[in-house]
Amino acid sequence: MMEINSVIKVENIWKEYRLGVDSIGSFGNLVRSLFSSSVNSENRAQENDRTLKGTSNYIWALQDVCFEVKRGEVLSILGKNGAGKSTILKIISRVVSPTRGQIKIKGSIASLLEVGTGFHPDLTGRENIFLNGSILGMSKHEIKNRFDEIVAFSGVERYIDTPVKKYSSGMYVRLAFAIAAHLEPEILIVDEVLAVGDVEFQKQCLGKMKAVSGEGRTVIFVSHNIAAVRSFCTRAVLLEKGRVAFTGSVDQAINHYISVGVDTSHNIGSQIWKAEDAPGFDEVRFREIALLSESSDEVCTTVFTSSSFRIQLIYEVLNKIQGGRLILSLRDRNGVVIFNSTNHSEDSGLKNPGVYKVECLIPGNLLNRGSYVVYLHMGIPGVKVLVQGQPFLRFDVISDGSHGSLYPENWGGIIAPKLNWVTKV
């Protein structure tokens, strides 16, 4: 039974997909499903584990998923790529149906999932605002009252009467978020699609979501930005291979997520992916990543505070790209960002299909003693995500006393730079 203050109850949700077949459906898929209905899906479908070789054309994207969301709660759904986050959001948003189980919902939902979800491409931005408002049950008068605020927030005033099929991905997301957040749904669902926008717009969106939650409305938020999850969300659900691995406090969920977020089947200082498992999409795939010493190609799992080291990435361009940029985010095990760095000034030009190697040198006498996680993201700013940002490497920094004999093992602070000091008489 659904609690009085709950707005969403997910009950024993299973979702099966047939590989190579569109799950949302054509008539042909329906006919095929009727002929195969005698086959027990529980026997034919395999767990969605990318590290294992498949022996079936059917996989379980979700398995027996259960959780509740309370009114006014800001819930994060965490998990590696392929864990089932987007699938459960689509089911909650009624974009797809579960294979088994049910979801009970109280209130209107506005969802920002994939770029373009909920828009009619041939309609203008103005027309799509009114269309989405009508879907949410708002009157034309109510939509008009919020229209100027939506357009101002989106920043697409000049193109508001242009068909949205001519918008860039960034413009699409700006308008879609503005509509979803300003038309006052009782439940707002936001997927990682915000990563398409620029940094300032992401901050703007997070601020708006905080305001929405402050009004007592419910937010479900999916992001690999651990710092945003920690500061914004009140509770978390962690998915692993389509199952709920943890439900509870944000801090506990993040600690568990980071501990399993890196593929430990390889050395913690490096990862090598098979082509079919490599992170990325149609244009770019990561192939190898490693933490190397400054002067050799020796893989490191631990470095001294005084040692410089390199982060080396090998990636493959499958289809020609223009303006692709890498962002490296170094974080501690609590998700606190130590620093971010991008190769924008070094290389953001045209890249033809082929294999590329890029390195970033981290200087010695910078990091404090502790454990660190390397996140990498690749995209075309304001246009497209090429490789979704996520944790790829772990390593430890240990003190070698380079700061002197005073506090050699417990130097306070997030970083511990060794600075030049000069005494003048």
Protein backbone atom coordinates (compact mmCIF):
# COMPACT_ATOMS: atom_id res chain seq x y z
CA MET A 1 0.00 0.00 0.00
CA MET A 2 1.23 3.50 -0.88
CA GLU A 3 2.02 5.75 2.08
CA ILE A 4 0.05 9.00 2.40
CA ASN A 5 3.08 11.26 1.86
CA SER A 6 4.53 9.16 -1.00
CA VAL A 7 4.15 10.37 -4.59
CA ILE A 8 5.89 7.48 -6.39
CA LYS A 9 5.97 3.81 -5.48
CA VAL A 10 8.04 1.48 -7.65
CA GLU A 11 6.93 -2.11 -7.03
CA ASN A 12 8.94 -5.10 -8.29
CA ILE A 13 9.77 -3.60 -11.69
CA TRP A 14 11.38 -5.88 -14.28
CA LYS A 15 12.23 -4.69 -17.80
CA GLU A 16 13.36 -7.01 -20.56
CA TYR A 17 14.90 -5.84 -23.83
CA ARG A 18 15.57 -7.83 -26.94
CA LEU A 19 18.92 -6.82 -28.38
CA GLY A 20 18.74 -5.28 -31.82
CA VAL A 21 14.98 -4.65 -31.64
CA ASP A 22 13.25 -1.36 -30.96
CA SER A 23 11.40 -1.86 -27.68
CA ILE A 24 8.87 0.93 -28.28
CA GLY A 25 7.62 -0.89 -31.15
CA SER A 26 6.57 -1.41 -34.68
CA PHE A 27 3.83 -3.75 -35.91
CA GLY A 28 6.54 -6.25 -36.82
CA ASN A 29 7.87 -6.27 -33.28
CA LEU A 30 4.37 -6.88 -31.97
CA VAL A 31 3.93 -9.89 -34.26
CA ARG A 32 7.34 -11.27 -33.26
CA SER A 33 6.51 -10.84 -29.57
CA LEU A 34 3.22 -12.76 -30.02
CA PHE A 35 4.99 -15.71 -31.62
CA SER A 36 7.64 -15.74 -28.87
CA SER A 37 5.21 -15.27 -25.99
CA SER A 38 5.31 -18.95 -25.13
CA VAL A 39 8.96 -18.63 -24.17
CA ASN A 40 9.48 -17.90 -20.50
CA SER A 41 11.34 -14.56 -20.43
CA GLU A 42 12.73 -15.41 -17.02
CA ASN A 43 14.65 -18.30 -18.61
CA ARG A 44 15.70 -16.60 -21.83
CA ALA A 45 16.87 -13.21 -20.49
CA GLN A 46 20.31 -12.63 -18.99
CA GLU A 47 21.57 -10.13 -16.45
CA ASN A 48 22.72 -6.85 -18.04
CA ASP A 49 26.44 -7.31 -17.32
CA ARG A 50 28.70 -5.80 -19.96
CA THR A 51 31.74 -7.67 -18.62
CA LEU A 52 30.25 -11.08 -19.50
CA LYS A 53 29.87 -12.65 -22.92
CA GLY A 54 26.19 -12.86 -23.87
CA THR A 55 24.54 -16.15 -24.86
CA SER A 56 21.02 -14.73 -25.30
CA ASN A 57 19.41 -11.97 -27.36
CA TYR A 58 17.40 -10.95 -24.29
CA ILE A 59 18.70 -9.00 -21.29
CA TRP A 60 17.16 -7.73 -18.09
CA ALA A 61 17.68 -3.97 -18.00
CA LEU A 62 15.92 -3.94 -14.60
CA GLN A 63 15.35 -6.74 -12.11
CA ASP A 64 12.90 -6.53 -9.20
CA VAL A 65 13.45 -2.80 -8.58
CA CYS A 66 11.55 -1.39 -5.58
CA PHE A 67 11.65 2.03 -3.90
CA GLU A 68 9.38 4.90 -2.85
CA VAL A 69 9.72 8.65 -3.31
CA LYS A 70 8.10 10.98 -0.79
CA ARG A 71 6.52 14.34 -1.47
CA GLY A 72 9.08 17.17 -1.47
CA GLU A 73 12.02 14.78 -1.60
CA VAL A 74 15.04 15.28 -3.88
CA LEU A 75 16.06 11.76 -4.86
CA SER A 76 19.25 10.86 -6.74
CA ILE A 77 19.46 7.67 -8.78
CA LEU A 78 23.12 6.68 -9.00
CA GLY A 79 24.87 3.99 -11.00
CA LYS A 80 27.40 3.28 -13.71
CA ASN A 81 26.46 3.61 -17.37
CA GLY A 82 24.19 0.67 -18.18
CA ALA A 83 23.01 0.22 -14.59
CA GLY A 84 19.39 0.93 -15.56
CA LYS A 85 19.01 4.57 -14.48
CA SER A 86 17.52 5.89 -17.72
CA THR A 87 15.29 2.84 -18.08
CA ILE A 88 13.64 3.31 -14.69
CA LEU A 89 13.16 7.04 -15.41
CA LYS A 90 11.45 6.21 -18.72
CA ILE A 91 9.15 3.77 -16.96
CA ILE A 92 8.28 6.31 -14.24
CA SER A 93 7.66 8.89 -16.99
CA ARG A 94 5.48 6.36 -18.85
CA VAL A 95 7.65 6.56 -21.96
CA VAL A 96 8.06 2.76 -21.87
CA SER A 97 6.16 0.03 -20.03
CA PRO A 98 7.66 -2.47 -17.59
CA THR A 99 7.74 -6.17 -18.42
CA ARG A 100 6.54 -6.94 -14.91
CA GLY A 101 5.62 -4.95 -11.84
CA GLN A 102 3.83 -1.64 -11.42
CA ILE A 103 4.40 2.00 -10.55
CA LYS A 104 1.94 4.11 -8.59
CA ILE A 105 2.14 7.88 -9.06
CA LYS A 106 0.33 10.78 -7.41
CA GLY A 107 0.57 14.06 -9.31
CA SER A 108 1.70 15.46 -12.67
CA ILE A 109 5.16 14.66 -14.01
CA ALA A 110 7.50 16.72 -16.20
CA SER A 111 10.49 14.75 -17.50
CA LEU A 112 13.72 15.89 -19.10
CA LEU A 113 15.25 12.68 -20.38
CA GLU A 114 16.89 12.40 -23.81
CA VAL A 115 17.38 15.52 -25.92
CA GLY A 116 14.12 16.23 -27.72
CA THR A 117 11.85 14.12 -25.50
CA GLY A 118 8.39 15.70 -25.45
CA PHE A 119 9.00 18.10 -28.35
CA HIS A 120 7.35 17.97 -31.76
CA PRO A 121 10.21 18.79 -34.15
CA ASP A 122 8.03 20.59 -36.70
CA LEU A 123 6.51 22.94 -34.12
CA THR A 124 8.19 26.17 -33.05
CA GLY A 125 9.58 26.78 -29.59
CA ARG A 126 6.51 28.86 -28.78
CA GLU A 127 4.12 26.12 -29.93
CA ASN A 128 6.01 23.45 -27.98
CA ILE A 129 5.72 25.51 -24.79
CA PHE A 130 1.93 25.53 -25.15
CA LEU A 131 1.87 21.85 -26.18
CA ASN A 132 3.87 20.76 -23.12
CA GLY A 133 1.78 22.94 -20.83
CA SER A 134 -1.41 21.37 -22.16
CA ILE A 135 0.01 17.87 -21.61
CA LEU A 136 0.64 18.86 -17.98
CA GLY A 137 -3.00 19.89 -17.67
CA MET A 138 -2.46 23.66 -17.62
CA SER A 139 -4.86 26.14 -19.18
CA LYS A 140 -3.80 28.47 -21.99
CA HIS A 141 -4.07 31.40 -19.57
CA GLU A 142 -1.73 29.72 -17.04
CA ILE A 143 0.84 29.00 -19.74
CA LYS A 144 0.70 32.60 -20.98
CA ASN A 145 1.40 33.85 -17.45
CA ARG A 146 4.66 31.88 -17.36
CA PHE A 147 5.61 32.20 -21.03
CA ASP A 148 7.97 35.20 -20.71
CA GLU A 149 9.75 33.65 -17.72
CA ILE A 150 10.27 30.38 -19.61
CA VAL A 151 11.70 32.11 -22.67
CA ALA A 152 13.99 34.35 -20.59
CA PHE A 153 15.35 31.37 -18.64
CA SER A 154 15.98 29.37 -21.81
CA GLY A 155 17.89 32.16 -23.55
CA VAL A 156 16.40 31.29 -26.97
CA GLU A 157 14.25 34.42 -27.41
CA ARG A 158 15.58 35.03 -30.91
CA TYR A 159 14.56 31.55 -32.09
CA ILE A 160 11.29 31.09 -30.21
CA ASP A 161 9.26 31.13 -33.47
CA THR A 162 11.66 28.77 -35.28
CA PRO A 163 10.84 25.03 -35.58
CA VAL A 164 12.79 23.22 -32.87
CA LYS A 165 14.18 20.69 -35.38
CA LYS A 166 16.53 23.52 -36.39
CA TYR A 167 17.78 24.02 -32.80
CA SER A 168 21.20 22.85 -31.64
CA SER A 169 21.31 20.24 -28.87
CA GLY A 170 22.17 22.98 -26.37
CA MET A 171 19.18 25.11 -27.40
CA TYR A 172 16.92 22.05 -27.22
CA VAL A 173 17.99 21.31 -23.67
CA ARG A 174 17.72 24.95 -22.54
CA LEU A 175 14.14 25.24 -23.73
CA ALA A 176 13.15 21.76 -22.56
CA PHE A 177 14.44 22.38 -19.04
CA ALA A 178 12.86 25.82 -18.87
CA ILE A 179 9.47 24.34 -19.79
CA ALA A 180 9.78 21.37 -17.40
CA ALA A 181 10.83 23.54 -14.44
CA HIS A 182 8.49 26.52 -14.90
CA LEU A 183 5.18 24.83 -15.67
CA GLU A 184 4.94 23.72 -12.03
CA PRO A 185 4.69 19.93 -12.27
CA GLU A 186 4.31 18.15 -8.95
CA ILE A 187 7.18 15.82 -9.88
CA LEU A 188 10.23 16.92 -11.91
CA ILE A 189 12.51 14.24 -13.42
CA VAL A 190 15.90 15.30 -14.80
CA ASP A 191 18.35 12.90 -16.44
CA GLU A 192 22.05 13.51 -17.23
CA VAL A 193 20.94 15.38 -20.38
CA LEU A 194 21.95 18.63 -18.60
CA ALA A 195 25.56 17.70 -19.37
CA VAL A 196 24.91 19.02 -22.90
CA GLY A 197 24.57 22.57 -21.60
CA ASP A 198 27.42 24.88 -20.65
CA VAL A 199 28.66 25.29 -17.07
CA GLU A 200 26.70 28.47 -16.39
CA PHE A 201 23.47 26.92 -17.62
CA GLN A 202 24.05 23.84 -15.45
CA LYS A 203 24.42 26.12 -12.41
CA GLN A 204 21.25 27.93 -13.46
CA CYS A 205 19.39 24.62 -13.71
CA LEU A 206 20.62 23.36 -10.33
CA GLY A 207 19.51 26.64 -8.76
CA LYS A 208 16.07 26.28 -10.31
CA MET A 209 15.74 22.68 -9.12
CA LYS A 210 16.62 23.78 -5.58
CA ALA A 211 13.90 26.40 -5.81
CA VAL A 212 11.42 23.78 -7.09
CA SER A 213 12.21 21.43 -4.20
CA GLY A 214 11.95 24.36 -1.78
CA GLU A 215 8.34 24.80 -2.90
CA GLY A 216 7.53 21.27 -1.73
CA ARG A 217 7.62 19.64 -5.13
CA THR A 218 9.45 16.36 -5.76
CA VAL A 219 12.62 16.03 -7.87
CA ILE A 220 14.32 12.89 -9.21
CA PHE A 221 17.83 13.70 -10.39
CA VAL A 222 20.31 11.51 -12.30
CA SER A 223 23.85 12.80 -12.67
CA HIS A 224 27.48 11.67 -12.56
CA ASN A 225 28.30 15.01 -10.92
CA ILE A 226 28.86 13.70 -7.40
CA ALA A 227 29.35 17.13 -5.86
CA ALA A 228 25.97 18.28 -7.24
CA VAL A 229 24.29 15.12 -5.97
CA ARG A 230 25.82 15.56 -2.52
CA SER A 231 24.82 19.22 -2.17
CA PHE A 232 21.39 18.95 -3.79
CA CYS A 233 19.83 15.57 -3.01
CA THR A 234 18.29 14.35 0.24
CA ARG A 235 18.30 10.60 -0.48
CA ALA A 236 19.73 8.21 -3.08
CA VAL A 237 19.00 4.91 -4.80
CA LEU A 238 22.03 3.07 -6.20
CA LEU A 239 21.53 0.70 -9.15
CA GLU A 240 24.00 -2.02 -10.15
CA LYS A 241 23.35 -4.20 -13.21
CA GLY A 242 19.66 -3.39 -13.11
CA ARG A 243 19.15 -4.13 -9.41
CA VAL A 244 18.84 -1.87 -6.37
CA ALA A 245 22.15 -2.16 -4.52
CA PHE A 246 21.47 0.50 -1.89
CA THR A 247 18.73 2.88 -0.76
CA GLY A 248 19.36 5.48 1.89
CA SER A 249 21.57 8.46 2.71
CA VAL A 250 23.36 10.30 -0.08
CA ASP A 251 26.79 10.00 1.58
CA GLN A 252 26.54 6.22 2.00
CA ALA A 253 25.28 5.78 -1.56
CA ILE A 254 28.11 7.90 -2.98
CA ASN A 255 30.76 5.98 -1.03
CA HIS A 256 29.39 2.71 -2.35
CA TYR A 257 29.08 4.11 -5.89
CA ILE A 258 32.67 5.34 -5.98
CA SER A 259 33.99 2.09 -4.52
CA VAL A 260 32.36 0.07 -7.33
CA GLY A 261 32.43 2.78 -10.00
CA VAL A 262 35.86 1.75 -11.26
CA ASP A 263 36.35 -1.58 -12.98
CA THR A 264 38.41 -3.51 -10.44
CA SER A 265 38.94 -6.47 -12.78
CA HIS A 266 41.96 -4.47 -13.98
CA ASN A 267 44.69 -2.79 -11.96
CA ILE A 268 43.28 0.30 -10.23
CA GLY A 269 45.88 2.37 -12.09
CA SER A 270 44.65 1.42 -15.59
CA GLN A 271 41.75 0.19 -17.69
CA ILE A 272 41.55 -1.40 -21.14
CA TRP A 273 38.17 -1.91 -22.84
CA LYS A 274 37.02 -4.29 -25.52
CA ALA A 275 35.45 -2.52 -28.50
CA GLU A 276 31.92 -3.59 -27.58
CA ASP A 277 32.28 -2.46 -23.96
CA ALA A 278 34.16 0.80 -24.50
CA PRO A 279 32.64 3.99 -23.02
CA GLY A 280 31.27 6.37 -25.64
CA PHE A 281 28.69 6.67 -28.38
CA ASP A 282 28.64 6.72 -32.19
CA GLU A 283 31.46 9.21 -32.74
CA VAL A 284 34.05 8.41 -30.07
CA ARG A 285 35.00 5.47 -27.85
CA PHE A 286 37.60 5.35 -25.09
CA ARG A 287 40.03 2.44 -25.49
CA GLU A 288 42.62 2.68 -22.69
CA ILE A 289 43.33 4.89 -19.70
CA ALA A 290 46.30 4.66 -17.36
CA LEU A 291 48.12 6.50 -14.61
CA LEU A 292 51.82 6.55 -15.54
CA SER A 293 54.98 7.83 -13.90
CA GLU A 294 56.46 11.04 -15.26
CA SER A 295 59.45 9.51 -17.02
CA SER A 296 58.34 5.99 -18.00
CA ASP A 297 55.30 4.05 -19.15
CA GLU A 298 55.13 2.18 -15.87
CA VAL A 299 51.56 1.99 -14.55
CA CYS A 300 51.22 3.45 -11.06
CA THR A 301 48.65 2.66 -8.41
CA THR A 302 50.32 4.78 -5.73
CA VAL A 303 52.35 7.98 -6.06
CA PHE A 304 54.33 10.05 -3.56
CA THR A 305 53.27 13.58 -2.70
CA SER A 306 56.43 14.94 -4.37
CA SER A 307 56.07 12.87 -7.57
CA SER A 308 54.74 14.10 -10.89
CA PHE A 309 52.65 11.64 -12.90
CA ARG A 310 50.65 11.43 -16.13
CA ILE A 311 47.07 10.52 -16.97
CA GLN A 312 47.16 8.91 -20.42
CA LEU A 313 44.05 8.31 -22.53
CA ILE A 314 43.81 6.43 -25.82
CA TYR A 315 40.55 6.93 -27.69
CA GLU A 316 39.18 6.13 -31.12
CA VAL A 317 37.27 8.53 -33.35
CA LEU A 318 34.72 6.50 -35.33
CA ASN A 319 33.08 9.36 -37.21
CA LYS A 320 34.61 12.76 -37.97
CA ILE A 321 34.17 15.32 -35.16
CA GLN A 322 34.85 19.05 -34.87
CA GLY A 323 35.60 20.75 -31.56
CA GLY A 324 35.69 17.72 -29.28
CA ARG A 325 37.12 18.55 -25.85
CA LEU A 326 38.22 16.47 -22.90
CA ILE A 327 37.55 17.43 -19.29
CA LEU A 328 39.46 15.74 -16.48
CA SER A 329 38.00 16.01 -12.99
CA LEU A 330 40.08 14.82 -10.06
CA ARG A 331 38.03 14.10 -6.95
CA ASP A 332 38.58 12.61 -3.54
CA ARG A 333 36.66 9.53 -2.43
CA ASN A 334 33.89 11.72 -1.00
CA GLY A 335 33.23 13.24 -4.43
CA VAL A 336 34.82 16.60 -3.57
CA VAL A 337 36.36 18.13 -6.70
CA ILE A 338 40.07 18.80 -6.22
CA PHE A 339 40.40 20.41 -9.64
CA ASN A 340 39.07 20.31 -13.20
CA SER A 341 41.16 20.66 -16.34
CA THR A 342 40.37 20.71 -20.07
CA ASN A 343 42.42 20.35 -23.25
CA HIS A 344 40.51 23.23 -24.87
CA SER A 345 43.58 25.36 -25.60
CA GLU A 346 45.72 22.39 -26.68
CA ASP A 347 43.46 20.59 -29.13
CA SER A 348 39.84 21.19 -30.13
CA GLY A 349 40.04 21.06 -33.91
CA LEU A 350 38.86 18.68 -36.60
CA LYS A 351 39.53 14.98 -36.01
CA ASN A 352 39.15 12.33 -38.68
CA PRO A 353 38.49 8.67 -37.84
CA GLY A 354 41.50 7.07 -36.15
CA VAL A 355 43.19 6.34 -32.82
CA TYR A 356 44.48 9.23 -30.70
CA LYS A 357 46.60 9.40 -27.54
CA VAL A 358 46.44 12.33 -25.14
CA GLU A 359 48.28 12.95 -21.85
CA CYS A 360 47.88 15.32 -18.93
CA LEU A 361 50.81 15.90 -16.54
CA ILE A 362 49.96 16.33 -12.84
CA PRO A 363 52.86 18.10 -11.08
CA GLY A 364 54.38 16.84 -7.86
CA ASN A 365 54.04 18.68 -4.54
CA LEU A 366 50.40 19.47 -5.31
CA LEU A 367 48.14 16.71 -3.99
CA ASN A 368 47.65 15.87 -0.36
CA ARG A 369 47.89 12.37 1.05
CA GLY A 370 44.74 10.33 0.34
CA SER A 371 42.72 8.36 -2.22
CA TYR A 372 41.60 9.92 -5.51
CA VAL A 373 39.27 9.14 -8.39
CA VAL A 374 39.80 10.30 -11.99
CA TYR A 375 36.68 11.28 -13.95
CA LEU A 376 36.85 11.93 -17.70
CA HIS A 377 34.24 13.52 -19.96
CA MET A 378 34.39 14.27 -23.69
CA GLY A 379 32.00 16.46 -25.60
CA ILE A 380 31.41 19.26 -28.07
CA PRO A 381 30.45 22.21 -25.80
CA GLY A 382 26.81 23.18 -26.09
CA VAL A 383 26.24 20.60 -28.81
CA LYS A 384 26.78 16.96 -27.86
CA VAL A 385 28.16 14.56 -25.26
CA LEU A 386 30.66 12.23 -26.91
CA VAL A 387 31.68 10.20 -23.84
CA GLN A 388 29.68 10.54 -20.64
CA GLY A 389 31.68 11.71 -17.63
CA GLN A 390 32.21 8.96 -15.05
CA PRO A 391 34.90 7.57 -12.70
CA PHE A 392 37.58 5.62 -14.59
CA LEU A 393 40.64 5.33 -12.32
CA ARG A 394 41.52 5.16 -8.64
CA PHE A 395 44.89 5.78 -7.06
CA ASP A 396 46.48 6.70 -3.72
CA VAL A 397 48.89 9.47 -2.80
CA ILE A 398 51.20 8.76 0.13
CA SER A 399 53.45 11.21 1.93
CA ASP A 400 57.21 11.08 1.46
CA GLY A 401 57.87 13.88 3.96
CA SER A 402 58.48 16.38 1.17
CA HIS A 403 56.98 19.18 3.30
CA GLY A 404 59.65 18.69 5.93
CA SER A 405 59.62 17.00 9.32
CA LEU A 406 56.58 18.95 10.57
CA TYR A 407 53.35 16.91 10.16
CA PRO A 408 54.83 14.63 7.48
CA GLU A 409 51.83 12.28 7.50
CA ASN A 410 48.86 14.57 8.27
CA TRP A 411 49.12 17.80 6.36
CA GLY A 412 45.74 19.56 6.53
CA GLY A 413 43.81 20.83 3.52
CA ILE A 414 42.36 19.52 0.27
CA ILE A 415 45.66 20.06 -1.57
CA ALA A 416 49.19 20.40 -0.18
CA PRO A 417 51.25 22.58 -2.56
CA LYS A 418 54.92 23.11 -1.83
CA LEU A 419 55.39 26.87 -2.32
CA ASN A 420 58.50 28.98 -2.61
CA TRP A 421 59.31 31.01 0.51
CA VAL A 422 61.79 33.89 0.61
CA THR A 423 63.03 35.74 3.68
CA LYS A 424 64.36 39.24 3.18
CA VAL A 425 66.29 41.31 5.69
